[in-house]
N, C-alpha and C. Protein backbone atom coordinates (compact mmCIF):
# COMPACT_ATOMS: atom_id res chain seq x y z
N MET A 1 7.56 0.06 10.45
CA MET A 1 6.34 -0.26 11.18
C MET A 1 5.85 1.10 11.78
N ALA A 2 6.64 2.05 12.04
CA ALA A 2 6.26 3.23 12.69
C ALA A 2 5.23 3.99 11.90
N ASP A 3 5.32 3.86 10.53
CA ASP A 3 4.38 4.69 9.66
C ASP A 3 3.19 3.84 9.11
N LYS A 4 2.80 2.80 9.82
CA LYS A 4 1.58 2.02 9.42
C LYS A 4 0.30 2.92 9.50
N LYS A 5 -0.49 2.87 8.44
CA LYS A 5 -1.68 3.68 8.39
C LYS A 5 -2.89 2.73 8.06
N LEU A 6 -3.99 3.23 8.52
CA LEU A 6 -5.26 2.55 8.08
C LEU A 6 -6.13 3.49 7.28
N LYS A 7 -6.73 3.03 6.20
CA LYS A 7 -7.68 3.85 5.39
C LYS A 7 -9.02 3.51 5.88
N ILE A 8 -9.73 4.48 6.40
CA ILE A 8 -11.03 4.24 6.97
C ILE A 8 -12.14 5.00 6.20
N THR A 9 -13.14 4.33 5.71
CA THR A 9 -14.27 5.00 5.00
C THR A 9 -15.52 4.89 5.74
N LEU A 10 -16.33 5.92 5.79
CA LEU A 10 -17.69 5.79 6.37
C LEU A 10 -18.57 5.31 5.38
N VAL A 11 -19.19 4.10 5.63
CA VAL A 11 -20.14 3.59 4.64
C VAL A 11 -21.60 3.46 5.13
N LYS A 12 -21.80 3.75 6.37
CA LYS A 12 -23.21 3.74 6.89
C LYS A 12 -23.43 5.04 7.67
N SER A 13 -24.60 5.66 7.52
CA SER A 13 -24.89 7.00 8.06
C SER A 13 -24.95 6.86 9.61
N PRO A 14 -24.34 7.79 10.32
CA PRO A 14 -24.36 7.75 11.80
C PRO A 14 -25.66 8.43 12.36
N ILE A 15 -26.61 8.85 11.42
CA ILE A 15 -27.81 9.58 11.90
C ILE A 15 -28.54 8.81 13.03
N GLY A 16 -28.76 7.56 12.85
CA GLY A 16 -29.62 6.88 13.84
C GLY A 16 -28.71 6.22 14.99
N ALA A 17 -27.49 6.44 14.96
CA ALA A 17 -26.62 5.79 15.91
C ALA A 17 -26.68 6.41 17.31
N VAL A 18 -26.06 5.74 18.24
CA VAL A 18 -25.96 6.26 19.58
C VAL A 18 -25.19 7.51 19.59
N PRO A 19 -25.48 8.57 20.37
CA PRO A 19 -24.82 9.83 20.27
C PRO A 19 -23.27 9.68 20.55
N LYS A 20 -22.87 8.77 21.29
CA LYS A 20 -21.49 8.51 21.59
C LYS A 20 -20.73 8.00 20.41
N HIS A 21 -21.41 7.19 19.65
CA HIS A 21 -20.85 6.63 18.51
C HIS A 21 -20.77 7.68 17.37
N ARG A 22 -21.76 8.56 17.32
CA ARG A 22 -21.74 9.69 16.44
C ARG A 22 -20.55 10.62 16.67
N ALA A 23 -20.32 10.82 17.96
CA ALA A 23 -19.08 11.71 18.32
C ALA A 23 -17.85 11.06 17.96
N THR A 24 -17.78 9.74 18.12
CA THR A 24 -16.54 8.97 17.72
C THR A 24 -16.24 9.12 16.28
N VAL A 25 -17.30 9.08 15.41
CA VAL A 25 -17.15 9.20 14.01
C VAL A 25 -16.58 10.60 13.58
N VAL A 26 -17.11 11.58 14.28
CA VAL A 26 -16.67 12.92 14.06
C VAL A 26 -15.17 13.07 14.49
N ALA A 27 -14.81 12.52 15.65
CA ALA A 27 -13.46 12.55 16.18
C ALA A 27 -12.47 11.88 15.21
N MET A 28 -12.93 10.97 14.47
CA MET A 28 -12.03 10.31 13.43
C MET A 28 -11.86 11.14 12.23
N GLY A 29 -12.60 12.22 12.11
CA GLY A 29 -12.52 13.13 11.00
C GLY A 29 -13.36 12.78 9.80
N LEU A 30 -14.41 11.94 10.07
CA LEU A 30 -15.38 11.52 9.06
C LEU A 30 -16.69 12.41 9.22
N SER A 31 -16.79 13.29 8.20
CA SER A 31 -18.03 14.17 8.34
C SER A 31 -19.12 13.82 7.29
N LYS A 32 -18.74 13.11 6.22
CA LYS A 32 -19.71 12.80 5.25
C LYS A 32 -19.63 11.33 4.88
N MET A 33 -20.68 10.79 4.27
CA MET A 33 -20.78 9.49 3.79
C MET A 33 -19.68 9.21 2.75
N HIS A 34 -19.03 8.14 2.69
CA HIS A 34 -18.02 7.73 1.67
C HIS A 34 -16.80 8.65 1.80
N LYS A 35 -16.59 9.28 2.85
CA LYS A 35 -15.30 10.04 2.98
C LYS A 35 -14.27 9.08 3.54
N THR A 36 -13.11 9.24 3.07
CA THR A 36 -11.96 8.39 3.54
C THR A 36 -10.89 9.13 4.25
N VAL A 37 -10.51 8.60 5.35
CA VAL A 37 -9.34 9.30 6.10
C VAL A 37 -8.24 8.29 6.30
N GLU A 38 -7.01 8.67 6.45
CA GLU A 38 -5.87 7.80 6.78
C GLU A 38 -5.47 8.19 8.22
N LEU A 39 -5.58 7.19 9.11
CA LEU A 39 -5.19 7.33 10.52
C LEU A 39 -4.09 6.34 10.81
N PRO A 40 -3.26 6.71 11.84
CA PRO A 40 -2.20 5.85 12.28
C PRO A 40 -2.80 4.50 12.90
N ASP A 41 -2.10 3.42 12.62
CA ASP A 41 -2.60 2.17 13.14
C ASP A 41 -2.00 2.05 14.60
N ASN A 42 -2.75 2.55 15.56
CA ASN A 42 -2.31 2.43 16.96
C ASN A 42 -3.54 1.93 17.81
N ALA A 43 -3.28 1.87 19.09
CA ALA A 43 -4.30 1.34 19.94
C ALA A 43 -5.53 2.17 20.06
N SER A 44 -5.31 3.54 20.01
CA SER A 44 -6.36 4.55 20.13
C SER A 44 -7.28 4.36 18.94
N THR A 45 -6.67 4.28 17.72
CA THR A 45 -7.52 4.21 16.48
C THR A 45 -8.23 2.90 16.47
N ARG A 46 -7.57 1.79 16.86
CA ARG A 46 -8.19 0.44 16.86
C ARG A 46 -9.39 0.42 17.85
N GLY A 47 -9.35 1.18 18.91
CA GLY A 47 -10.43 1.18 19.83
C GLY A 47 -11.62 1.94 19.26
N MET A 48 -11.29 3.02 18.58
CA MET A 48 -12.44 3.68 17.89
C MET A 48 -13.09 2.77 16.83
N ILE A 49 -12.30 2.11 16.08
CA ILE A 49 -12.74 1.21 15.02
C ILE A 49 -13.65 0.10 15.64
N GLN A 50 -13.20 -0.37 16.80
CA GLN A 50 -13.97 -1.47 17.47
C GLN A 50 -15.26 -0.92 17.95
N GLN A 51 -15.39 0.29 18.30
CA GLN A 51 -16.65 0.93 18.81
C GLN A 51 -17.64 1.17 17.67
N VAL A 52 -17.18 1.62 16.57
CA VAL A 52 -18.05 2.06 15.46
C VAL A 52 -17.78 1.30 14.14
N GLY A 53 -17.14 0.11 14.29
CA GLY A 53 -16.83 -0.67 13.13
C GLY A 53 -17.98 -1.02 12.22
N TYR A 54 -19.19 -1.07 12.75
CA TYR A 54 -20.33 -1.39 11.95
C TYR A 54 -20.73 -0.29 10.91
N MET A 55 -20.10 0.89 11.07
CA MET A 55 -20.32 1.94 10.11
C MET A 55 -19.27 2.16 9.13
N LEU A 56 -18.07 1.43 9.35
CA LEU A 56 -16.85 1.68 8.60
C LEU A 56 -16.44 0.60 7.66
N LYS A 57 -15.56 0.96 6.75
CA LYS A 57 -14.84 0.00 5.95
C LYS A 57 -13.34 0.34 6.23
N VAL A 58 -12.62 -0.66 6.64
CA VAL A 58 -11.16 -0.43 7.07
C VAL A 58 -10.28 -1.24 6.18
N GLU A 59 -9.22 -0.59 5.62
CA GLU A 59 -8.24 -1.21 4.81
C GLU A 59 -6.85 -0.80 5.27
N GLU A 60 -5.86 -1.62 5.01
CA GLU A 60 -4.44 -1.18 5.31
C GLU A 60 -4.01 -0.25 4.25
N ALA A 61 -3.37 0.79 4.64
CA ALA A 61 -2.89 1.73 3.55
C ALA A 61 -1.41 1.46 3.24
């Protein structure tokens, strides 16, 4: 369980989004559309996903 990961892909452009949401997307390491990153499945990552989930596609890795 310690190595659970989430595959997160940016599927909607953050251009028109709230600046705080844009900053959250950058903090997750998503710089371009359709870029995918693997992040640990923890409370901090889940909170980010909850905030900007409308721009993301999330799958378990």
